[in-house]
PDB file of N, CA and C in Angstrom:
ATOM      1  N   MET A   1      18.194 -91.022 -44.858  1.00  0.00           N
ATOM      2  CA  MET A   1      16.776 -91.093 -44.570  1.00  0.00           C
ATOM      3  C   MET A   1      16.575 -91.558 -43.138  1.00  0.00           C
ATOM      4  N   ARG A   2      15.515 -91.088 -42.536  1.00  0.00           N
ATOM      5  CA  ARG A   2      15.180 -91.465 -41.165  1.00  0.00           C
ATOM      6  C   ARG A   2      14.015 -92.455 -41.207  1.00  0.00           C
ATOM      7  N   TRP A   3      14.292 -93.717 -40.910  1.00  0.00           N
ATOM      8  CA  TRP A   3      13.287 -94.775 -40.978  1.00  0.00           C
ATOM      9  C   TRP A   3      12.458 -94.802 -39.709  1.00  0.00           C
ATOM     10  N   GLN A   4      11.150 -95.047 -39.867  1.00  0.00           N
ATOM     11  CA  GLN A   4      10.230 -95.176 -38.747  1.00  0.00           C
ATOM     12  C   GLN A   4       9.588 -96.558 -38.809  1.00  0.00           C
ATOM     13  N   LYS A   5       9.705 -97.311 -37.727  1.00  0.00           N
ATOM     14  CA  LYS A   5       9.106 -98.659 -37.688  1.00  0.00           C
ATOM     15  C   LYS A   5       7.589 -98.544 -37.635  1.00  0.00           C
ATOM     16  N   LEU A   6       6.922 -99.477 -38.331  1.00  0.00           N
ATOM     17  CA  LEU A   6       5.466 -99.510 -38.387  1.00  0.00           C
ATOM     18  C   LEU A   6       4.971-100.864 -37.906  1.00  0.00           C
ATOM     19  N   ASN A   7       3.673-100.950 -37.652  1.00  0.00           N
ATOM     20  CA  ASN A   7       3.048-102.194 -37.213  1.00  0.00           C
ATOM     21  C   ASN A   7       2.777-103.075 -38.431  1.00  0.00           C
ATOM     22  N   PRO A   8       3.417-104.244 -38.535  1.00  0.00           N
ATOM     23  CA  PRO A   8       3.234-105.106 -39.711  1.00  0.00           C
ATOM     24  C   PRO A   8       1.811-105.607 -39.888  1.00  0.00           C
ATOM     25  N   ASP A   9       1.023-105.650 -38.813  1.00  0.00           N
ATOM     26  CA  ASP A   9      -0.356-106.141 -38.908  1.00  0.00           C
ATOM     27  C   ASP A   9      -1.265-105.186 -39.680  1.00  0.00           C
ATOM     28  N   GLU A  10      -0.827-103.952 -39.881  1.00  0.00           N
ATOM     29  CA  GLU A  10      -1.658-102.948 -40.550  1.00  0.00           C
ATOM     30  C   GLU A  10      -1.429-102.890 -42.064  1.00  0.00           C
ATOM     31  N   TYR A  11      -0.545-103.751 -42.591  1.00  0.00           N
ATOM     32  CA  TYR A  11      -0.202-103.701 -44.008  1.00  0.00           C
ATOM     33  C   TYR A  11      -0.386-105.059 -44.663  1.00  0.00           C
ATOM     34  N   SER A  12      -0.790-105.028 -45.920  1.00  0.00           N
ATOM     35  CA  SER A  12      -1.012-106.257 -46.680  1.00  0.00           C
ATOM     36  C   SER A  12       0.302-106.760 -47.264  1.00  0.00           C
ATOM     37  N   PRO A  13       0.673-108.005 -46.968  1.00  0.00           N
ATOM     38  CA  PRO A  13       1.927-108.550 -47.510  1.00  0.00           C
ATOM     39  C   PRO A  13       1.940-108.610 -49.038  1.00  0.00           C
ATOM     40  N   GLY A  14       0.771-108.768 -49.646  1.00  0.00           N
ATOM     41  CA  GLY A  14       0.684-108.863 -51.098  1.00  0.00           C
ATOM     42  C   GLY A  14       1.171-107.620 -51.811  1.00  0.00           C
ATOM     43  N   VAL A  15       1.092-106.473 -51.173  1.00  0.00           N
ATOM     44  CA  VAL A  15       1.572-105.227 -51.773  1.00  0.00           C
ATOM     45  C   VAL A  15       3.060-105.324 -52.063  1.00  0.00           C
ATOM     46  N   PHE A  16       3.774-106.061 -51.234  1.00  0.00           N
ATOM     47  CA  PHE A  16       5.216-106.212 -51.386  1.00  0.00           C
ATOM     48  C   PHE A  16       5.593-107.531 -52.066  1.00  0.00           C
ATOM     49  N   GLY A  17       4.609-108.337 -52.438  1.00  0.00           N
ATOM     50  CA  GLY A  17       4.882-109.631 -53.044  1.00  0.00           C
ATOM     51  C   GLY A  17       5.354-110.657 -52.023  1.00  0.00           C
ATOM     52  N   LEU A  18       4.951-110.500 -50.775  1.00  0.00           N
ATOM     53  CA  LEU A  18       5.353-111.403 -49.697  1.00  0.00           C
ATOM     54  C   LEU A  18       4.159-112.192 -49.184  1.00  0.00           C
ATOM     55  N   GLU A  19       4.421-113.318 -48.528  1.00  0.00           N
ATOM     56  CA  GLU A  19       3.351-114.100 -47.910  1.00  0.00           C
ATOM     57  C   GLU A  19       3.003-113.559 -46.530  1.00  0.00           C
ATOM     58  N   PHE A  20       3.985-113.013 -45.826  1.00  0.00           N
ATOM     59  CA  PHE A  20       3.744-112.365 -44.533  1.00  0.00           C
ATOM     60  C   PHE A  20       4.834-111.316 -44.315  1.00  0.00           C
ATOM     61  N   ILE A  21       4.581-110.397 -43.412  1.00  0.00           N
ATOM     62  CA  ILE A  21       5.528-109.321 -43.112  1.00  0.00           C
ATOM     63  C   ILE A  21       6.040-109.499 -41.687  1.00  0.00           C
ATOM     64  N   ARG A  22       7.359-109.595 -41.542  1.00  0.00           N
ATOM     65  CA  ARG A  22       7.987-109.645 -40.206  1.00  0.00           C
ATOM     66  C   ARG A  22       8.288-108.239 -39.696  1.00  0.00           C
ATOM     67  N   ASP A  23       8.860-107.414 -40.567  1.00  0.00           N
ATOM     68  CA  ASP A  23       9.241-106.044 -40.227  1.00  0.00           C
ATOM     69  C   ASP A  23       8.782-105.117 -41.333  1.00  0.00           C
ATOM     70  N   ILE A  24       8.398-103.912 -40.950  1.00  0.00           N
ATOM     71  CA  ILE A  24       8.061-102.892 -41.945  1.00  0.00           C
ATOM     72  C   ILE A  24       8.481-101.537 -41.402  1.00  0.00           C
ATOM     73  N   LYS A  25       8.992-100.706 -42.305  1.00  0.00           N
ATOM     74  CA  LYS A  25       9.405 -99.367 -41.914  1.00  0.00           C
ATOM     75  C   LYS A  25       9.146 -98.411 -43.075  1.00  0.00           C
ATOM     76  N   ALA A  26       9.091 -97.120 -42.773  1.00  0.00           N
ATOM     77  CA  ALA A  26       8.826 -96.110 -43.788  1.00  0.00           C
ATOM     78  C   ALA A  26       9.766 -94.930 -43.581  1.00  0.00           C
ATOM     79  N   ALA A  27      10.084 -94.254 -44.677  1.00  0.00           N
ATOM     80  CA  ALA A  27      10.928 -93.062 -44.611  1.00  0.00           C
ATOM     81  C   ALA A  27      10.478 -92.079 -45.682  1.00  0.00           C
ATOM     82  N   LYS A  28      10.557 -90.794 -45.358  1.00  0.00           N
ATOM     83  CA  LYS A  28      10.246 -89.749 -46.325  1.00  0.00           C
ATOM     84  C   LYS A  28      11.386 -89.694 -47.339  1.00  0.00           C
ATOM     85  N   TRP A  29      11.026 -89.663 -48.623  1.00  0.00           N
ATOM     86  CA  TRP A  29      12.022 -89.593 -49.681  1.00  0.00           C
ATOM     87  C   TRP A  29      12.681 -88.223 -49.644  1.00  0.00           C
ATOM     88  N   HIS A  30      14.002 -88.184 -49.776  1.00  0.00           N
ATOM     89  CA  HIS A  30      14.774 -86.952 -49.665  1.00  0.00           C
ATOM     90  C   HIS A  30      14.721 -86.079 -50.906  1.00  0.00           C
ATOM     91  N   GLY A  31      14.172 -86.604 -51.984  1.00  0.00           N
ATOM     92  CA  GLY A  31      13.985 -85.799 -53.186  1.00  0.00           C
ATOM     93  C   GLY A  31      15.123 -85.844 -54.181  1.00  0.00           C
ATOM     94  N   GLU A  32      16.223 -86.512 -53.843  1.00  0.00           N
ATOM     95  CA  GLU A  32      17.332 -86.622 -54.774  1.00  0.00           C
ATOM     96  C   GLU A  32      17.125 -87.826 -55.688  1.00  0.00           C
ATOM     97  N   TYR A  33      17.367 -87.630 -56.964  1.00  0.00           N
ATOM     98  CA  TYR A  33      17.258 -88.699 -57.957  1.00  0.00           C
ATOM     99  C   TYR A  33      15.811 -89.196 -58.059  1.00  0.00           C
ATOM    100  N   ASP A  34      15.650 -90.356 -58.676  1.00  0.00           N
ATOM    101  CA  ASP A  34      14.327 -90.934 -58.890  1.00  0.00           C
ATOM    102  C   ASP A  34      14.033 -91.945 -57.785  1.00  0.00           C
ATOM    103  N   VAL A  35      12.907 -91.798 -57.133  1.00  0.00           N
ATOM    104  CA  VAL A  35      12.538 -92.692 -56.029  1.00  0.00           C
ATOM    105  C   VAL A  35      12.491 -94.149 -56.466  1.00  0.00           C
ATOM    106  N   ARG A  36      12.182 -94.402 -57.735  1.00  0.00           N
ATOM    107  CA  ARG A  36      12.076 -95.778 -58.221  1.00  0.00           C
ATOM    108  C   ARG A  36      13.418 -96.487 -58.290  1.00  0.00           C
ATOM    109  N   GLY A  37      14.521 -95.760 -58.234  1.00  0.00           N
ATOM    110  CA  GLY A  37      15.840 -96.365 -58.297  1.00  0.00           C
ATOM    111  C   GLY A  37      16.423 -96.724 -56.942  1.00  0.00           C
ATOM    112  N   PHE A  38      15.705 -96.444 -55.861  1.00  0.00           N
ATOM    113  CA  PHE A  38      16.222 -96.719 -54.524  1.00  0.00           C
ATOM    114  C   PHE A  38      16.192 -98.212 -54.234  1.00  0.00           C
ATOM    115  N   ARG A  39      17.265 -98.747 -53.657  1.00  0.00           N
ATOM    116  CA  ARG A  39      17.365-100.161 -53.299  1.00  0.00           C
ATOM    117  C   ARG A  39      17.831-100.280 -51.858  1.00  0.00           C
ATOM    118  N   LEU A  40      17.374-101.326 -51.183  1.00  0.00           N
ATOM    119  CA  LEU A  40      17.773-101.613 -49.806  1.00  0.00           C
ATOM    120  C   LEU A  40      17.912-103.126 -49.694  1.00  0.00           C
ATOM    121  N   ARG A  41      19.131-103.613 -49.559  1.00  0.00           N
ATOM    122  CA  ARG A  41      19.416-105.052 -49.580  1.00  0.00           C
ATOM    123  C   ARG A  41      18.617-105.799 -48.505  1.00  0.00           C
ATOM    124  N   GLY A  42      17.931-106.875 -48.924  1.00  0.00           N
ATOM    125  CA  GLY A  42      17.178-107.716 -48.004  1.00  0.00           C
ATOM    126  C   GLY A  42      15.752-107.262 -47.748  1.00  0.00           C
ATOM    127  N   TRP A  43      15.331-106.179 -48.379  1.00  0.00           N
ATOM    128  CA  TRP A  43      13.984-105.635 -48.159  1.00  0.00           C
ATOM    129  C   TRP A  43      13.245-105.525 -49.487  1.00  0.00           C
ATOM    130  N   GLU A  44      11.927-105.695 -49.440  1.00  0.00           N
ATOM    131  CA  GLU A  44      11.055-105.418 -50.584  1.00  0.00           C
ATOM    132  C   GLU A  44      10.552-103.990 -50.394  1.00  0.00           C
ATOM    133  N   LEU A  45      10.581-103.199 -51.468  1.00  0.00           N
ATOM    134  CA  LEU A  45      10.259-101.778 -51.352  1.00  0.00           C
ATOM    135  C   LEU A  45       9.026-101.383 -52.144  1.00  0.00           C
ATOM    136  N   MET A  46       8.390-100.314 -51.680  1.00  0.00           N
ATOM    137  CA  MET A  46       7.261 -99.702 -52.363  1.00  0.00           C
ATOM    138  C   MET A  46       7.346 -98.203 -52.120  1.00  0.00           C
ATOM    139  N   ALA A  47       7.083 -97.399 -53.131  1.00  0.00           N
ATOM    140  CA  ALA A  47       7.070 -95.945 -52.980  1.00  0.00           C
ATOM    141  C   ALA A  47       5.684 -95.430 -53.329  1.00  0.00           C
ATOM    142  N   ASP A  48       5.258 -94.371 -52.628  1.00  0.00           N
ATOM    143  CA  ASP A  48       3.944 -93.789 -52.884  1.00  0.00           C
ATOM    144  C   ASP A  48       3.963 -92.319 -52.500  1.00  0.00           C
ATOM    145  N   CYS A  49       3.240 -91.522 -53.244  1.00  0.00           N
ATOM    146  CA  CYS A  49       3.067 -90.108 -52.936  1.00  0.00           C
ATOM    147  C   CYS A  49       1.790 -90.007 -52.107  1.00  0.00           C
ATOM    148  N   ILE A  50       1.909 -89.593 -50.850  1.00  0.00           N
ATOM    149  CA  ILE A  50       0.768 -89.640 -49.933  1.00  0.00           C
ATOM    150  C   ILE A  50       0.453 -88.260 -49.349  1.00  0.00           C
ATOM    151  N   GLU A  51      -0.765 -88.119 -48.829  1.00  0.00           N
ATOM    152  CA  GLU A  51      -1.215 -86.876 -48.211  1.00  0.00           C
ATOM    153  C   GLU A  51      -1.260 -86.966 -46.691  1.00  0.00           C
ATOM    154  N   ASN A  52      -1.349 -88.196 -46.152  1.00  0.00           N
ATOM    155  CA  ASN A  52      -1.427 -88.389 -44.700  1.00  0.00           C
ATOM    156  C   ASN A  52      -0.150 -89.037 -44.184  1.00  0.00           C
ATOM    157  N   HIS A  53       0.331 -88.570 -43.039  1.00  0.00           N
ATOM    158  CA  HIS A  53       1.557 -89.107 -42.449  1.00  0.00           C
ATOM    159  C   HIS A  53       1.344 -90.583 -42.119  1.00  0.00           C
ATOM    160  N   PRO A  54       2.269 -91.475 -42.504  1.00  0.00           N
ATOM    161  CA  PRO A  54       2.064 -92.917 -42.311  1.00  0.00           C
ATOM    162  C   PRO A  54       2.071 -93.367 -40.851  1.00  0.00           C
ATOM    163  N   VAL A  55       2.643 -92.606 -39.954  1.00  0.00           N
ATOM    164  CA  VAL A  55       2.682 -92.995 -38.546  1.00  0.00           C
ATOM    165  C   VAL A  55       1.552 -92.343 -37.762  1.00  0.00           C
ATOM    166  N   SER A  56       1.417 -91.025 -37.875  1.00  0.00           N
ATOM    167  CA  SER A  56       0.412 -90.303 -37.086  1.00  0.00           C
ATOM    168  C   SER A  56      -0.965 -90.306 -37.742  1.00  0.00           C
ATOM    169  N   GLY A  57      -1.011 -90.449 -39.062  1.00  0.00           N
ATOM    170  CA  GLY A  57      -2.281 -90.408 -39.777  1.00  0.00           C
ATOM    171  C   GLY A  57      -2.786 -88.993 -40.039  1.00  0.00           C
ATOM    172  N   LYS A  58      -2.070 -87.988 -39.562  1.00  0.00           N
ATOM    173  CA  LYS A  58      -2.489 -86.599 -39.755  1.00  0.00           C
ATOM    174  C   LYS A  58      -2.198 -86.154 -41.178  1.00  0.00           C
ATOM    175  N   GLN A  59      -3.075 -85.273 -41.673  1.00  0.00           N
ATOM    176  CA  GLN A  59      -2.892 -84.763 -43.022  1.00  0.00           C
ATOM    177  C   GLN A  59      -1.691 -83.808 -43.052  1.00  0.00           C
ATOM    178  N   MET A  60      -0.838 -83.992 -44.066  1.00  0.00           N
ATOM    179  CA  MET A  60       0.334 -83.132 -44.230  1.00  0.00           C
ATOM    180  C   MET A  60      -0.047 -81.909 -45.058  1.00  0.00           C
ATOM    181  N   LYS A  61       0.778 -80.878 -45.032  1.00  0.00           N
ATOM    182  CA  LYS A  61       0.489 -79.644 -45.765  1.00  0.00           C
ATOM    183  C   LYS A  61       0.471 -79.867 -47.272  1.00  0.00           C
ATOM    184  N   HIS A  62       1.280 -80.809 -47.745  1.00  0.00           N
ATOM    185  CA  HIS A  62       1.316 -81.131 -49.175  1.00  0.00           C
ATOM    186  C   HIS A  62       1.714 -82.600 -49.334  1.00  0.00           C
ATOM    187  N   SER A  63       1.473 -83.142 -50.492  1.00  0.00           N
ATOM    188  CA  SER A  63       1.818 -84.540 -50.756  1.00  0.00           C
ATOM    189  C   SER A  63       3.331 -84.721 -50.722  1.00  0.00           C
ATOM    190  N   GLU A  64       3.767 -85.881 -50.225  1.00  0.00           N
ATOM    191  CA  GLU A  64       5.190 -86.197 -50.149  1.00  0.00           C
ATOM    192  C   GLU A  64       5.415 -87.641 -50.560  1.00  0.00           C
ATOM    193  N   TRP A  65       6.576 -87.909 -51.154  1.00  0.00           N
ATOM    194  CA  TRP A  65       6.952 -89.271 -51.504  1.00  0.00           C
ATOM    195  C   TRP A  65       7.512 -89.959 -50.272  1.00  0.00           C
ATOM    196  N   TRP A  66       7.018 -91.172 -49.998  1.00  0.00           N
ATOM    197  CA  TRP A  66       7.509 -92.008 -48.900  1.00  0.00           C
ATOM    198  C   TRP A  66       7.874 -93.362 -49.458  1.00  0.00           C
ATOM    199  N   ILE A  67       8.823 -94.020 -48.817  1.00  0.00           N
ATOM    200  CA  ILE A  67       9.225 -95.371 -49.187  1.00  0.00           C
ATOM    201  C   ILE A  67       8.893 -96.293 -48.038  1.00  0.00           C
ATOM    202  N   TRP A  68       8.272 -97.434 -48.368  1.00  0.00           N
ATOM    203  CA  TRP A  68       7.994 -98.487 -47.391  1.00  0.00           C
ATOM    204  C   TRP A  68       8.920 -99.636 -47.696  1.00  0.00           C
ATOM    205  N   ALA A  69       9.482-100.217 -46.656  1.00  0.00           N
ATOM    206  CA  ALA A  69      10.363-101.378 -46.795  1.00  0.00           C
ATOM    207  C   ALA A  69       9.818-102.488 -45.905  1.00  0.00           C
ATOM    208  N   ALA A  70       9.677-103.689 -46.468  1.00  0.00           N
ATOM    209  CA  ALA A  70       9.142-104.818 -45.707  1.00  0.00           C
ATOM    210  C   ALA A  70      10.001-106.049 -45.967  1.00  0.00           C
ATOM    211  N   ARG A  71      10.018-106.928 -44.968  1.00  0.00           N
ATOM    212  CA  ARG A  71      10.674-108.237 -45.134  1.00  0.00           C
ATOM    213  C   ARG A  71       9.986-109.236 -44.253  1.00  0.00           C
TER     214      ARG A  71
END
């Protein structure tokens, strides 16, 4: 997966069960296996099927699964 760093100030720490976010990144899910089984040591994860690109904000041609990782 190709991770893209995001601005931590734009995300709510409560979504990840954290008090604050130091780092946050997102990656498009590759489609293999179940997205809910993905783990990344040291990070809290969230997956969502979205219509807008998380970095550019532009609407994508179709919905895609993305994973957010925060710590």
